[in-house]
Amino acid sequence: MMIDLPDADLSPRRKRLIFRSDHRGTKEMDLLLGSFARKHIATMDEAMVDRFEVLLEMSDPDLYNWITGQEPTPPEWDDALMDMLKAHRYG
């Protein structure tokens, strides 16, 4: 279910995370993370937002390979957020 909220309904931090997700550097990750952020950022709790912010510091090749299953996800990233990203990729 896509949540389409006006920007005014999101905190500045969440807006920044959407922007960062949309402007990664590789088109594949722009599309994947940008659409994920727009769909889920409004309903994430603060702990999940914190985790997503840290995830955005990871390199595009690593994230892409983990999300697409081309490489195993490291144990420290094998969590609910990564499960959501993997489900979003196939959704």
PDB file of N, CA and C in Angstrom:
ATOM      1  N   MET A   1       0.840  -1.171   0.000  1.00  0.00           N
ATOM      2  CA  MET A   1       0.000   0.000   0.000  1.00  0.00           C
ATOM      3  C   MET A   1       0.889   1.239   0.000  1.00  0.00           C
ATOM      4  N   MET A   2       0.749   2.065  -0.996  1.00  0.00           N
ATOM      5  CA  MET A   2       1.547   3.278  -1.124  1.00  0.00           C
ATOM      6  C   MET A   2       0.896   4.393  -0.323  1.00  0.00           C
ATOM      7  N   ILE A   3       1.678   5.038   0.530  1.00  0.00           N
ATOM      8  CA  ILE A   3       1.179   6.175   1.282  1.00  0.00           C
ATOM      9  C   ILE A   3       1.678   7.422   0.581  1.00  0.00           C
ATOM     10  N   ASP A   4       0.761   8.222   0.107  1.00  0.00           N
ATOM     11  CA  ASP A   4       1.114   9.431  -0.626  1.00  0.00           C
ATOM     12  C   ASP A   4       0.720  10.630   0.222  1.00  0.00           C
ATOM     13  N   LEU A   5       1.624  11.034   1.104  1.00  0.00           N
ATOM     14  CA  LEU A   5       1.354  12.151   1.997  1.00  0.00           C
ATOM     15  C   LEU A   5       1.952  13.425   1.427  1.00  0.00           C
ATOM     16  N   PRO A   6       1.281  14.536   1.620  1.00  0.00           N
ATOM     17  CA  PRO A   6       1.905  15.800   1.227  1.00  0.00           C
ATOM     18  C   PRO A   6       3.186  16.000   2.027  1.00  0.00           C
ATOM     19  N   ASP A   7       4.156  16.655   1.430  1.00  0.00           N
ATOM     20  CA  ASP A   7       5.424  16.892   2.119  1.00  0.00           C
ATOM     21  C   ASP A   7       5.237  17.556   3.469  1.00  0.00           C
ATOM     22  N   ALA A   8       4.219  18.369   3.613  1.00  0.00           N
ATOM     23  CA  ALA A   8       3.989  19.084   4.863  1.00  0.00           C
ATOM     24  C   ALA A   8       3.737  18.128   6.021  1.00  0.00           C
ATOM     25  N   ASP A   9       3.312  16.901   5.735  1.00  0.00           N
ATOM     26  CA  ASP A   9       3.014  15.934   6.786  1.00  0.00           C
ATOM     27  C   ASP A   9       4.247  15.174   7.271  1.00  0.00           C
ATOM     28  N   LEU A  10       5.390  15.385   6.658  1.00  0.00           N
ATOM     29  CA  LEU A  10       6.610  14.690   7.040  1.00  0.00           C
ATOM     30  C   LEU A  10       7.573  15.639   7.734  1.00  0.00           C
ATOM     31  N   SER A  11       8.338  15.095   8.682  1.00  0.00           N
ATOM     32  CA  SER A  11       9.353  15.896   9.359  1.00  0.00           C
ATOM     33  C   SER A  11      10.474  16.226   8.372  1.00  0.00           C
ATOM     34  N   PRO A  12      11.223  17.286   8.641  1.00  0.00           N
ATOM     35  CA  PRO A  12      12.359  17.606   7.765  1.00  0.00           C
ATOM     36  C   PRO A  12      13.347  16.441   7.635  1.00  0.00           C
ATOM     37  N   ARG A  13      13.567  15.722   8.719  1.00  0.00           N
ATOM     38  CA  ARG A  13      14.489  14.580   8.675  1.00  0.00           C
ATOM     39  C   ARG A  13      13.992  13.523   7.693  1.00  0.00           C
ATOM     40  N   ARG A  14      12.722  13.198   7.742  1.00  0.00           N
ATOM     41  CA  ARG A  14      12.170  12.178   6.849  1.00  0.00           C
ATOM     42  C   ARG A  14      12.194  12.660   5.396  1.00  0.00           C
ATOM     43  N   LYS A  15      11.963  13.938   5.184  1.00  0.00           N
ATOM     44  CA  LYS A  15      12.062  14.491   3.826  1.00  0.00           C
ATOM     45  C   LYS A  15      13.488  14.358   3.300  1.00  0.00           C
ATOM     46  N   ARG A  16      14.467  14.643   4.163  1.00  0.00           N
ATOM     47  CA  ARG A  16      15.878  14.506   3.762  1.00  0.00           C
ATOM     48  C   ARG A  16      16.209  13.061   3.405  1.00  0.00           C
ATOM     49  N   LEU A  17      15.669  12.128   4.169  1.00  0.00           N
ATOM     50  CA  LEU A  17      15.939  10.716   3.882  1.00  0.00           C
ATOM     51  C   LEU A  17      15.335  10.291   2.547  1.00  0.00           C
ATOM     52  N   ILE A  18      14.163  10.806   2.224  1.00  0.00           N
ATOM     53  CA  ILE A  18      13.578  10.526   0.908  1.00  0.00           C
ATOM     54  C   ILE A  18      14.477  11.097  -0.182  1.00  0.00           C
ATOM     55  N   PHE A  19      14.921  12.334  -0.003  1.00  0.00           N
ATOM     56  CA  PHE A  19      15.804  12.959  -0.993  1.00  0.00           C
ATOM     57  C   PHE A  19      17.084  12.138  -1.158  1.00  0.00           C
ATOM     58  N   ARG A  20      17.708  11.768  -0.042  1.00  0.00           N
ATOM     59  CA  ARG A  20      18.945  10.976  -0.109  1.00  0.00           C
ATOM     60  C   ARG A  20      18.713   9.627  -0.778  1.00  0.00           C
ATOM     61  N   SER A  21      17.550   9.044  -0.543  1.00  0.00           N
ATOM     62  CA  SER A  21      17.220   7.752  -1.150  1.00  0.00           C
ATOM     63  C   SER A  21      17.043   7.876  -2.654  1.00  0.00           C
ATOM     64  N   ASP A  22      16.518   9.009  -3.088  1.00  0.00           N
ATOM     65  CA  ASP A  22      16.282   9.262  -4.513  1.00  0.00           C
ATOM     66  C   ASP A  22      17.542   9.689  -5.264  1.00  0.00           C
ATOM     67  N   HIS A  23      18.587  10.067  -4.550  1.00  0.00           N
ATOM     68  CA  HIS A  23      19.802  10.613  -5.171  1.00  0.00           C
ATOM     69  C   HIS A  23      21.037   9.862  -4.672  1.00  0.00           C
ATOM     70  N   ARG A  24      21.100   8.588  -4.971  1.00  0.00           N
ATOM     71  CA  ARG A  24      22.167   7.730  -4.481  1.00  0.00           C
ATOM     72  C   ARG A  24      23.429   7.806  -5.333  1.00  0.00           C
ATOM     73  N   GLY A  25      23.258   7.884  -6.625  1.00  0.00           N
ATOM     74  CA  GLY A  25      24.415   7.868  -7.510  1.00  0.00           C
ATOM     75  C   GLY A  25      24.305   6.815  -8.594  1.00  0.00           C
ATOM     76  N   THR A  26      23.564   5.748  -8.316  1.00  0.00           N
ATOM     77  CA  THR A  26      23.286   4.767  -9.366  1.00  0.00           C
ATOM     78  C   THR A  26      21.780   4.741  -9.588  1.00  0.00           C
ATOM     79  N   LYS A  27      21.394   4.643 -10.827  1.00  0.00           N
ATOM     80  CA  LYS A  27      19.969   4.683 -11.178  1.00  0.00           C
ATOM     81  C   LYS A  27      19.190   3.565 -10.492  1.00  0.00           C
ATOM     82  N   GLU A  28      19.779   2.370 -10.457  1.00  0.00           N
ATOM     83  CA  GLU A  28      19.096   1.235  -9.837  1.00  0.00           C
ATOM     84  C   GLU A  28      18.767   1.518  -8.374  1.00  0.00           C
ATOM     85  N   MET A  29      19.746   2.049  -7.647  1.00  0.00           N
ATOM     86  CA  MET A  29      19.522   2.314  -6.225  1.00  0.00           C
ATOM     87  C   MET A  29      18.635   3.537  -6.015  1.00  0.00           C
ATOM     88  N   ASP A  30      18.721   4.536  -6.904  1.00  0.00           N
ATOM     89  CA  ASP A  30      17.783   5.666  -6.835  1.00  0.00           C
ATOM     90  C   ASP A  30      16.353   5.150  -6.903  1.00  0.00           C
ATOM     91  N   LEU A  31      16.097   4.273  -7.856  1.00  0.00           N
ATOM     92  CA  LEU A  31      14.745   3.738  -8.037  1.00  0.00           C
ATOM     93  C   LEU A  31      14.330   2.852  -6.870  1.00  0.00           C
ATOM     94  N   LEU A  32      15.198   1.966  -6.473  1.00  0.00           N
ATOM     95  CA  LEU A  32      14.866   1.016  -5.417  1.00  0.00           C
ATOM     96  C   LEU A  32      14.681   1.706  -4.065  1.00  0.00           C
ATOM     97  N   LEU A  33      15.692   2.450  -3.632  1.00  0.00           N
ATOM     98  CA  LEU A  33      15.611   3.084  -2.316  1.00  0.00           C
ATOM     99  C   LEU A  33      14.651   4.263  -2.305  1.00  0.00           C
ATOM    100  N   GLY A  34      14.578   4.999  -3.412  1.00  0.00           N
ATOM    101  CA  GLY A  34      13.650   6.128  -3.473  1.00  0.00           C
ATOM    102  C   GLY A  34      12.208   5.687  -3.361  1.00  0.00           C
ATOM    103  N   SER A  35      11.836   4.664  -4.110  1.00  0.00           N
ATOM    104  CA  SER A  35      10.450   4.182  -4.042  1.00  0.00           C
ATOM    105  C   SER A  35      10.165   3.554  -2.683  1.00  0.00           C
ATOM    106  N   PHE A  36      11.151   2.883  -2.109  1.00  0.00           N
ATOM    107  CA  PHE A  36      10.990   2.301  -0.775  1.00  0.00           C
ATOM    108  C   PHE A  36      10.746   3.399   0.259  1.00  0.00           C
ATOM    109  N   ALA A  37      11.572   4.442   0.227  1.00  0.00           N
ATOM    110  CA  ALA A  37      11.429   5.525   1.203  1.00  0.00           C
ATOM    111  C   ALA A  37      10.078   6.215   1.064  1.00  0.00           C
ATOM    112  N   ARG A  38       9.678   6.513  -0.157  1.00  0.00           N
ATOM    113  CA  ARG A  38       8.380   7.172  -0.354  1.00  0.00           C
ATOM    114  C   ARG A  38       7.229   6.307   0.146  1.00  0.00           C
ATOM    115  N   LYS A  39       7.374   5.008   0.025  1.00  0.00           N
ATOM    116  CA  LYS A  39       6.304   4.099   0.446  1.00  0.00           C
ATOM    117  C   LYS A  39       6.265   3.909   1.963  1.00  0.00           C
ATOM    118  N   HIS A  40       7.434   3.843   2.607  1.00  0.00           N
ATOM    119  CA  HIS A  40       7.483   3.408   4.005  1.00  0.00           C
ATOM    120  C   HIS A  40       7.889   4.461   5.033  1.00  0.00           C
ATOM    121  N   ILE A  41       8.523   5.544   4.630  1.00  0.00           N
ATOM    122  CA  ILE A  41       9.116   6.460   5.613  1.00  0.00           C
ATOM    123  C   ILE A  41       8.085   7.049   6.575  1.00  0.00           C
ATOM    124  N   ALA A  42       6.890   7.313   6.104  1.00  0.00           N
ATOM    125  CA  ALA A  42       5.870   7.942   6.957  1.00  0.00           C
ATOM    126  C   ALA A  42       5.400   7.026   8.074  1.00  0.00           C
ATOM    127  N   THR A  43       5.496   5.724   7.873  1.00  0.00           N
ATOM    128  CA  THR A  43       4.981   4.789   8.874  1.00  0.00           C
ATOM    129  C   THR A  43       6.078   4.134   9.712  1.00  0.00           C
ATOM    130  N   MET A  44       7.343   4.451   9.431  1.00  0.00           N
ATOM    131  CA  MET A  44       8.439   3.888  10.227  1.00  0.00           C
ATOM    132  C   MET A  44       8.468   4.537  11.603  1.00  0.00           C
ATOM    133  N   ASP A  45       8.772   3.721  12.631  1.00  0.00           N
ATOM    134  CA  ASP A  45       8.989   4.311  13.950  1.00  0.00           C
ATOM    135  C   ASP A  45      10.392   4.931  13.971  1.00  0.00           C
ATOM    136  N   GLU A  46      10.693   5.663  15.029  1.00  0.00           N
ATOM    137  CA  GLU A  46      11.970   6.388  15.081  1.00  0.00           C
ATOM    138  C   GLU A  46      13.175   5.450  15.037  1.00  0.00           C
ATOM    139  N   ALA A  47      13.071   4.288  15.659  1.00  0.00           N
ATOM    140  CA  ALA A  47      14.184   3.330  15.626  1.00  0.00           C
ATOM    141  C   ALA A  47      14.445   2.854  14.199  1.00  0.00           C
ATOM    142  N   MET A  48      13.385   2.614  13.443  1.00  0.00           N
ATOM    143  CA  MET A  48      13.535   2.173  12.052  1.00  0.00           C
ATOM    144  C   MET A  48      14.085   3.318  11.197  1.00  0.00           C
ATOM    145  N   VAL A  49      13.652   4.534  11.457  1.00  0.00           N
ATOM    146  CA  VAL A  49      14.192   5.690  10.731  1.00  0.00           C
ATOM    147  C   VAL A  49      15.686   5.828  11.021  1.00  0.00           C
ATOM    148  N   ASP A  50      16.075   5.654  12.285  1.00  0.00           N
ATOM    149  CA  ASP A  50      17.499   5.698  12.643  1.00  0.00           C
ATOM    150  C   ASP A  50      18.281   4.643  11.863  1.00  0.00           C
ATOM    151  N   ARG A  51      17.742   3.453  11.812  1.00  0.00           N
ATOM    152  CA  ARG A  51      18.407   2.346  11.122  1.00  0.00           C
ATOM    153  C   ARG A  51      18.510   2.625   9.619  1.00  0.00           C
ATOM    154  N   PHE A  52      17.437   3.155   9.040  1.00  0.00           N
ATOM    155  CA  PHE A  52      17.436   3.481   7.617  1.00  0.00           C
ATOM    156  C   PHE A  52      18.478   4.559   7.313  1.00  0.00           C
ATOM    157  N   GLU A  53      18.598   5.532   8.199  1.00  0.00           N
ATOM    158  CA  GLU A  53      19.584   6.590   8.006  1.00  0.00           C
ATOM    159  C   GLU A  53      21.001   6.012   7.988  1.00  0.00           C
ATOM    160  N   VAL A  54      21.287   5.076   8.863  1.00  0.00           N
ATOM    161  CA  VAL A  54      22.601   4.420   8.883  1.00  0.00           C
ATOM    162  C   VAL A  54      22.792   3.590   7.615  1.00  0.00           C
ATOM    163  N   LEU A  55      21.747   2.897   7.201  1.00  0.00           N
ATOM    164  CA  LEU A  55      21.816   2.076   5.991  1.00  0.00           C
ATOM    165  C   LEU A  55      22.182   2.922   4.770  1.00  0.00           C
ATOM    166  N   LEU A  56      21.687   4.152   4.717  1.00  0.00           N
ATOM    167  CA  LEU A  56      21.975   5.018   3.574  1.00  0.00           C
ATOM    168  C   LEU A  56      23.448   5.402   3.476  1.00  0.00           C
ATOM    169  N   GLU A  57      24.216   5.147   4.529  1.00  0.00           N
ATOM    170  CA  GLU A  57      25.663   5.396   4.494  1.00  0.00           C
ATOM    171  C   GLU A  57      26.418   4.249   3.821  1.00  0.00           C
ATOM    172  N   MET A  58      25.764   3.121   3.620  1.00  0.00           N
ATOM    173  CA  MET A  58      26.407   1.959   3.006  1.00  0.00           C
ATOM    174  C   MET A  58      26.601   2.209   1.509  1.00  0.00           C
ATOM    175  N   SER A  59      27.537   1.479   0.920  1.00  0.00           N
ATOM    176  CA  SER A  59      27.818   1.661  -0.510  1.00  0.00           C
ATOM    177  C   SER A  59      26.704   1.056  -1.360  1.00  0.00           C
ATOM    178  N   ASP A  60      26.463   1.673  -2.508  1.00  0.00           N
ATOM    179  CA  ASP A  60      25.441   1.170  -3.426  1.00  0.00           C
ATOM    180  C   ASP A  60      25.703  -0.275  -3.862  1.00  0.00           C
ATOM    181  N   PRO A  61      26.927  -0.627  -4.257  1.00  0.00           N
ATOM    182  CA  PRO A  61      27.139  -2.018  -4.689  1.00  0.00           C
ATOM    183  C   PRO A  61      26.813  -3.039  -3.591  1.00  0.00           C
ATOM    184  N   ASP A  62      27.227  -2.750  -2.362  1.00  0.00           N
ATOM    185  CA  ASP A  62      26.922  -3.674  -1.267  1.00  0.00           C
ATOM    186  C   ASP A  62      25.418  -3.787  -1.061  1.00  0.00           C
ATOM    187  N   LEU A  63      24.745  -2.648  -0.937  1.00  0.00           N
ATOM    188  CA  LEU A  63      23.294  -2.668  -0.716  1.00  0.00           C
ATOM    189  C   LEU A  63      22.573  -3.392  -1.840  1.00  0.00           C
ATOM    190  N   TYR A  64      22.931  -3.079  -3.059  1.00  0.00           N
ATOM    191  CA  TYR A  64      22.274  -3.709  -4.204  1.00  0.00           C
ATOM    192  C   TYR A  64      22.444  -5.230  -4.154  1.00  0.00           C
ATOM    193  N   ASN A  65      23.656  -5.673  -3.880  1.00  0.00           N
ATOM    194  CA  ASN A  65      23.917  -7.111  -3.837  1.00  0.00           C
ATOM    195  C   ASN A  65      23.177  -7.799  -2.694  1.00  0.00           C
ATOM    196  N   TRP A  66      23.073  -7.144  -1.551  1.00  0.00           N
ATOM    197  CA  TRP A  66      22.347  -7.734  -0.418  1.00  0.00           C
ATOM    198  C   TRP A  66      20.850  -7.790  -0.705  1.00  0.00           C
ATOM    199  N   ILE A  67      20.311  -6.693  -1.210  1.00  0.00           N
ATOM    200  CA  ILE A  67      18.865  -6.614  -1.450  1.00  0.00           C
ATOM    201  C   ILE A  67      18.436  -7.596  -2.536  1.00  0.00           C
ATOM    202  N   THR A  68      19.257  -7.737  -3.568  1.00  0.00           N
ATOM    203  CA  THR A  68      18.896  -8.621  -4.679  1.00  0.00           C
ATOM    204  C   THR A  68      19.301 -10.074  -4.439  1.00  0.00           C
ATOM    205  N   GLY A  69      20.003 -10.332  -3.345  1.00  0.00           N
ATOM    206  CA  GLY A  69      20.402 -11.697  -3.027  1.00  0.00           C
ATOM    207  C   GLY A  69      21.625 -12.177  -3.776  1.00  0.00           C
ATOM    208  N   GLN A  70      22.347 -11.270  -4.436  1.00  0.00           N
ATOM    209  CA  GLN A  70      23.560 -11.665  -5.152  1.00  0.00           C
ATOM    210  C   GLN A  70      24.700 -11.980  -4.194  1.00  0.00           C
ATOM    211  N   GLU A  71      24.623 -11.415  -2.991  1.00  0.00           N
ATOM    212  CA  GLU A  71      25.573 -11.720  -1.920  1.00  0.00           C
ATOM    213  C   GLU A  71      24.765 -11.897  -0.644  1.00  0.00           C
ATOM    214  N   PRO A  72      25.254 -12.720   0.286  1.00  0.00           N
ATOM    215  CA  PRO A  72      24.525 -12.859   1.550  1.00  0.00           C
ATOM    216  C   PRO A  72      24.560 -11.550   2.337  1.00  0.00           C
ATOM    217  N   THR A  73      23.468 -11.269   3.000  1.00  0.00           N
ATOM    218  CA  THR A  73      23.390 -10.081   3.844  1.00  0.00           C
ATOM    219  C   THR A  73      24.229 -10.323   5.093  1.00  0.00           C
ATOM    220  N   PRO A  74      25.108  -9.394   5.450  1.00  0.00           N
ATOM    221  CA  PRO A  74      25.888  -9.563   6.680  1.00  0.00           C
ATOM    222  C   PRO A  74      24.951  -9.659   7.887  1.00  0.00           C
ATOM    223  N   PRO A  75      25.340 -10.414   8.895  1.00  0.00           N
ATOM    224  CA  PRO A  75      24.466 -10.594  10.063  1.00  0.00           C
ATOM    225  C   PRO A  75      23.999  -9.283  10.690  1.00  0.00           C
ATOM    226  N   GLU A  76      24.861  -8.276  10.696  1.00  0.00           N
ATOM    227  CA  GLU A  76      24.481  -7.000  11.319  1.00  0.00           C
ATOM    228  C   GLU A  76      23.406  -6.254  10.532  1.00  0.00           C
ATOM    229  N   TRP A  77      23.157  -6.653   9.291  1.00  0.00           N
ATOM    230  CA  TRP A  77      22.107  -6.028   8.477  1.00  0.00           C
ATOM    231  C   TRP A  77      20.960  -6.985   8.164  1.00  0.00           C
ATOM    232  N   ASP A  78      21.011  -8.175   8.708  1.00  0.00           N
ATOM    233  CA  ASP A  78      19.940  -9.154   8.485  1.00  0.00           C
ATOM    234  C   ASP A  78      18.846  -8.904   9.523  1.00  0.00           C
ATOM    235  N   ASP A  79      18.002  -7.919   9.233  1.00  0.00           N
ATOM    236  CA  ASP A  79      17.002  -7.469  10.201  1.00  0.00           C
ATOM    237  C   ASP A  79      15.691  -7.123   9.497  1.00  0.00           C
ATOM    238  N   ALA A  80      14.760  -6.564  10.243  1.00  0.00           N
ATOM    239  CA  ALA A  80      13.433  -6.240   9.702  1.00  0.00           C
ATOM    240  C   ALA A  80      13.520  -5.237   8.556  1.00  0.00           C
ATOM    241  N   LEU A  81      14.414  -4.264   8.659  1.00  0.00           N
ATOM    242  CA  LEU A  81      14.548  -3.271   7.594  1.00  0.00           C
ATOM    243  C   LEU A  81      14.999  -3.934   6.295  1.00  0.00           C
ATOM    244  N   MET A  82      15.987  -4.806   6.376  1.00  0.00           N
ATOM    245  CA  MET A  82      16.461  -5.492   5.170  1.00  0.00           C
ATOM    246  C   MET A  82      15.366  -6.398   4.616  1.00  0.00           C
ATOM    247  N   ASP A  83      14.610  -7.039   5.495  1.00  0.00           N
ATOM    248  CA  ASP A  83      13.482  -7.860   5.030  1.00  0.00           C
ATOM    249  C   ASP A  83      12.477  -7.010   4.263  1.00  0.00           C
ATOM    250  N   MET A  84      12.206  -5.808   4.768  1.00  0.00           N
ATOM    251  CA  MET A  84      11.281  -4.896   4.079  1.00  0.00           C
ATOM    252  C   MET A  84      11.837  -4.497   2.713  1.00  0.00           C
ATOM    253  N   LEU A  85      13.132  -4.202   2.654  1.00  0.00           N
ATOM    254  CA  LEU A  85      13.756  -3.820   1.384  1.00  0.00           C
ATOM    255  C   LEU A  85      13.705  -4.963   0.377  1.00  0.00           C
ATOM    256  N   LYS A  86      13.985  -6.166   0.832  1.00  0.00           N
ATOM    257  CA  LYS A  86      13.942  -7.324  -0.067  1.00  0.00           C
ATOM    258  C   LYS A  86      12.524  -7.572  -0.560  1.00  0.00           C
ATOM    259  N   ALA A  87      11.542  -7.434   0.315  1.00  0.00           N
ATOM    260  CA  ALA A  87      10.140  -7.617  -0.087  1.00  0.00           C
ATOM    261  C   ALA A  87       9.720  -6.519  -1.055  1.00  0.00           C
ATOM    262  N   HIS A  88      10.185  -5.308  -0.831  1.00  0.00           N
ATOM    263  CA  HIS A  88       9.854  -4.183  -1.709  1.00  0.00           C
ATOM    264  C   HIS A  88      10.422  -4.414  -3.104  1.00  0.00           C
ATOM    265  N   ARG A  89      11.612  -4.962  -3.164  1.00  0.00           N
ATOM    266  CA  ARG A  89      12.249  -5.218  -4.457  1.00  0.00           C
ATOM    267  C   ARG A  89      11.387  -6.131  -5.314  1.00  0.00           C
ATOM    268  N   TYR A  90      10.760  -7.075  -4.689  1.00  0.00           N
ATOM    269  CA  TYR A  90       9.940  -8.030  -5.433  1.00  0.00           C
ATOM    270  C   TYR A  90       8.484  -7.618  -5.515  1.00  0.00           C
ATOM    271  N   GLY A  91       8.117  -6.548  -4.812  1.00  0.00           N
ATOM    272  CA  GLY A  91       6.712  -6.132  -4.741  1.00  0.00           C
ATOM    273  C   GLY A  91       6.225  -5.317  -5.881  1.00  0.00           C
TER     274      GLY A  91
END
